Every structure is written in C-alpha cells, then in structure tokens.
C-alpha cells in the first residue's frame, strides 16, 4: 500500500460507508466544527481541517461531522504449499522460504 504516507487517498467515506475490513483510513477531514473522539482522544475539528492519522476503528466514534480518507487494503498473496501435483508417479511439492517469503519448488 504505502500511499497513506504521501497523503494520497483513493476513497472518501462518510459514517455510512466506512469499511475497516477492506480500507485503511489515514486521515480525517472535518466538515463541521466540533469535538470528536479519534483513536480514543478528544479532538477539536475545524471546518476544512485534516488530521493525518491511521484511524483505529475500535477507539474512534464515527460522526457525520467528519469524513474518513483512505485507501483499499491490498489483497494478501497466498502461496499454495505442500503437494501440488502428481504426474506419472512424480510428485511436485512447493514450500515457502521463510527467509525470503518466496516459493521454492521440489
């Protein structure tokens, strides 16, 4: 992912569209003046202000006074391991090298 570090956002979600399972929110944009709980801390929101922080779903109280800016979580790569195939009595195995994270064939 990484774009949250540069301030580039692909999505803007309001309280009804948040999806912490598929997106990481790395900024809060305040559209109304008010006091909000972000990551367990009371924050004074100023209209048009942006707070750059990775938003924690469990300690943030969603509110219509702000929007969440973020990016999709990239899919996790899954590598099939163990016996992959058998052809004419020859077995093909694949495992993951724990140092590199890359598949090895045997």
C-alpha atoms as a PDB file:
ATOM      1  CA  UNK A   1       0.000   0.000   0.000  1.00  0.00           C
ATOM      2  CA  UNK A   2       2.153   2.878   1.213  1.00  0.00           C
ATOM      3  CA  UNK A   3       0.148   5.755  -0.264  1.00  0.00           C
ATOM      4  CA  UNK A   4      -1.077   6.776   3.184  1.00  0.00           C
ATOM      5  CA  UNK A   5       2.447   8.029   3.855  1.00  0.00           C
ATOM      6  CA  UNK A   6       2.304  10.526   0.984  1.00  0.00           C
ATOM      7  CA  UNK A   7      -1.162  11.896   1.649  1.00  0.00           C
ATOM      8  CA  UNK A   8      -2.681  10.311  -1.459  1.00  0.00           C
ATOM      9  CA  UNK A   9      -6.190   8.979  -0.894  1.00  0.00           C
ATOM     10  CA  UNK A  10      -8.375   6.867  -3.162  1.00  0.00           C
ATOM     11  CA  UNK A  11     -11.587   6.952  -1.119  1.00  0.00           C
ATOM     12  CA  UNK A  12     -13.603   9.393   0.946  1.00  0.00           C
ATOM     13  CA  UNK A  13     -16.100   7.657   3.231  1.00  0.00           C
ATOM     14  CA  UNK A  14     -18.754   9.100   5.491  1.00  0.00           C
ATOM     15  CA  UNK A  15     -20.081   7.294   8.563  1.00  0.00           C
ATOM     16  CA  UNK A  16     -22.489   5.196   6.493  1.00  0.00           C
ATOM     17  CA  UNK A  17     -19.845   3.929   4.065  1.00  0.00           C
ATOM     18  CA  UNK A  18     -16.904   3.036   6.309  1.00  0.00           C
ATOM     19  CA  UNK A  19     -15.383  -0.390   5.754  1.00  0.00           C
ATOM     20  CA  UNK A  20     -12.421  -1.100   8.028  1.00  0.00           C
ATOM     21  CA  UNK A  21     -12.112  -4.641   6.658  1.00  0.00           C
ATOM     22  CA  UNK A  22     -11.252  -3.503   3.143  1.00  0.00           C
ATOM     23  CA  UNK A  23      -9.823   0.005   3.636  1.00  0.00           C
ATOM     24  CA  UNK A  24      -7.223   1.699   5.807  1.00  0.00           C
ATOM     25  CA  UNK A  25      -8.162   5.258   6.731  1.00  0.00           C
ATOM     26  CA  UNK A  26      -5.163   7.520   7.203  1.00  0.00           C
ATOM     27  CA  UNK A  27      -6.751  10.940   7.545  1.00  0.00           C
ATOM     28  CA  UNK A  28      -9.844  12.606   8.963  1.00  0.00           C
ATOM     29  CA  UNK A  29     -11.349  15.599   7.128  1.00  0.00           C
ATOM     30  CA  UNK A  30     -13.610  17.759   9.289  1.00  0.00           C
ATOM     31  CA  UNK A  31     -16.679  19.194   7.541  1.00  0.00           C
ATOM     32  CA  UNK A  32     -18.178  20.731  10.690  1.00  0.00           C
ATOM     33  CA  UNK A  33     -16.784  22.380  13.800  1.00  0.00           C
ATOM     34  CA  UNK A  34     -16.931  20.118  16.832  1.00  0.00           C
ATOM     35  CA  UNK A  35     -15.280  17.816  19.328  1.00  0.00           C
ATOM     36  CA  UNK A  36     -14.785  14.244  18.155  1.00  0.00           C
ATOM     37  CA  UNK A  37     -13.239  11.056  19.549  1.00  0.00           C
ATOM     38  CA  UNK A  38     -10.487   9.874  17.192  1.00  0.00           C
ATOM     39  CA  UNK A  39      -8.313   6.947  18.318  1.00  0.00           C
ATOM     40  CA  UNK A  40      -9.555   7.344  21.868  1.00  0.00           C
ATOM     41  CA  UNK A  41      -8.549  11.017  22.050  1.00  0.00           C
ATOM     42  CA  UNK A  42     -10.846  14.039  22.130  1.00  0.00           C
ATOM     43  CA  UNK A  43     -10.050  16.166  19.068  1.00  0.00           C
ATOM     44  CA  UNK A  44     -11.318  19.634  18.156  1.00  0.00           C
ATOM     45  CA  UNK A  45     -12.297  19.535  14.500  1.00  0.00           C
ATOM     46  CA  UNK A  46     -12.075  22.731  12.448  1.00  0.00           C
ATOM     47  CA  UNK A  47     -14.083  23.038   9.227  1.00  0.00           C
ATOM     48  CA  UNK A  48     -11.785  22.199   6.317  1.00  0.00           C
ATOM     49  CA  UNK A  49      -9.063  20.830   8.607  1.00  0.00           C
ATOM     50  CA  UNK A  50      -7.399  17.468   8.074  1.00  0.00           C
ATOM     51  CA  UNK A  51      -5.901  15.245  10.761  1.00  0.00           C
ATOM     52  CA  UNK A  52      -3.419  12.764   9.295  1.00  0.00           C
ATOM     53  CA  UNK A  53      -3.549   9.653  11.467  1.00  0.00           C
ATOM     54  CA  UNK A  54      -4.203   5.955  10.931  1.00  0.00           C
ATOM     55  CA  UNK A  55      -7.776   5.661  12.215  1.00  0.00           C
ATOM     56  CA  UNK A  56      -8.449   2.873  14.719  1.00  0.00           C
ATOM     57  CA  UNK A  57     -11.982   1.538  14.299  1.00  0.00           C
ATOM     58  CA  UNK A  58     -12.275   0.351  17.903  1.00  0.00           C
ATOM     59  CA  UNK A  59     -11.379   3.688  19.533  1.00  0.00           C
ATOM     60  CA  UNK A  60     -12.967   6.137  17.068  1.00  0.00           C
ATOM     61  CA  UNK A  61     -16.569   7.267  17.358  1.00  0.00           C
ATOM     62  CA  UNK A  62     -17.915   7.757  13.842  1.00  0.00           C
ATOM     63  CA  UNK A  63     -19.712  11.048  13.326  1.00  0.00           C
ATOM     64  CA  UNK A  64     -21.304  12.886  10.397  1.00  0.00           C
ATOM     65  CA  UNK A  65     -19.073  15.859  11.256  1.00  0.00           C
ATOM     66  CA  UNK A  66     -16.081  14.294   9.540  1.00  0.00           C
ATOM     67  CA  UNK A  67     -15.095  12.163   6.568  1.00  0.00           C
ATOM     68  CA  UNK A  68     -12.510   9.369   6.505  1.00  0.00           C
ATOM     69  CA  UNK A  69      -9.870   9.459   3.770  1.00  0.00           C
ATOM     70  CA  UNK A  70      -8.091   6.261   2.865  1.00  0.00           C
ATOM     71  CA  UNK A  71      -7.012   3.525   0.504  1.00  0.00           C
ATOM     72  CA  UNK A  72      -8.001  -0.074  -0.208  1.00  0.00           C
ATOM     73  CA  UNK A  73      -6.096  -2.746   1.662  1.00  0.00           C
ATOM     74  CA  UNK A  74      -4.167  -4.733  -0.953  1.00  0.00           C
ATOM     75  CA  UNK A  75      -5.061  -8.419  -1.229  1.00  0.00           C
ATOM     76  CA  UNK A  76      -2.787 -10.761   0.663  1.00  0.00           C
ATOM     77  CA  UNK A  77      -0.764 -13.088  -1.518  1.00  0.00           C
ATOM     78  CA  UNK A  78      -1.439 -16.721  -0.740  1.00  0.00           C
ATOM     79  CA  UNK A  79       1.017 -19.358  -1.875  1.00  0.00           C
ATOM     80  CA  UNK A  80      -0.155 -22.937  -2.085  1.00  0.00           C
ATOM     81  CA  UNK A  81       2.244 -25.220  -0.214  1.00  0.00           C
ATOM     82  CA  UNK A  82       2.777 -28.946   0.097  1.00  0.00           C
ATOM     83  CA  UNK A  83       1.960 -31.480  -2.625  1.00  0.00           C
ATOM     84  CA  UNK A  84       0.963 -29.501  -5.714  1.00  0.00           C
ATOM     85  CA  UNK A  85       0.589 -32.227  -8.333  1.00  0.00           C
ATOM     86  CA  UNK A  86       1.426 -35.818  -9.245  1.00  0.00           C
ATOM     87  CA  UNK A  87       2.249 -36.796 -12.827  1.00  0.00           C
ATOM     88  CA  UNK A  88       3.204 -40.352 -13.779  1.00  0.00           C
ATOM     89  CA  UNK A  89       4.383 -41.148 -10.269  1.00  0.00           C
ATOM     90  CA  UNK A  90       6.408 -37.931  -9.973  1.00  0.00           C
ATOM     91  CA  UNK A  91       5.274 -35.699  -7.136  1.00  0.00           C
ATOM     92  CA  UNK A  92       5.693 -31.928  -7.261  1.00  0.00           C
ATOM     93  CA  UNK A  93       5.955 -30.030  -3.950  1.00  0.00           C
ATOM     94  CA  UNK A  94       6.101 -26.322  -3.209  1.00  0.00           C
ATOM     95  CA  UNK A  95       7.086 -24.624   0.034  1.00  0.00           C
ATOM     96  CA  UNK A  96       7.824 -21.072   1.191  1.00  0.00           C
ATOM     97  CA  UNK A  97      11.366 -19.998   2.027  1.00  0.00           C
ATOM     98  CA  UNK A  98      10.940 -18.404   5.466  1.00  0.00           C
ATOM     99  CA  UNK A  99      13.841 -16.004   4.888  1.00  0.00           C
ATOM    100  CA  UNK A 100      12.682 -14.597   1.540  1.00  0.00           C
ATOM    101  CA  UNK A 101       8.946 -15.345   1.604  1.00  0.00           C
ATOM    102  CA  UNK A 102       9.229 -16.747  -1.905  1.00  0.00           C
ATOM    103  CA  UNK A 103       8.019 -20.172  -3.042  1.00  0.00           C
ATOM    104  CA  UNK A 104      10.572 -22.955  -3.569  1.00  0.00           C
ATOM    105  CA  UNK A 105       9.857 -25.987  -5.718  1.00  0.00           C
ATOM    106  CA  UNK A 106      10.973 -29.536  -5.115  1.00  0.00           C
END
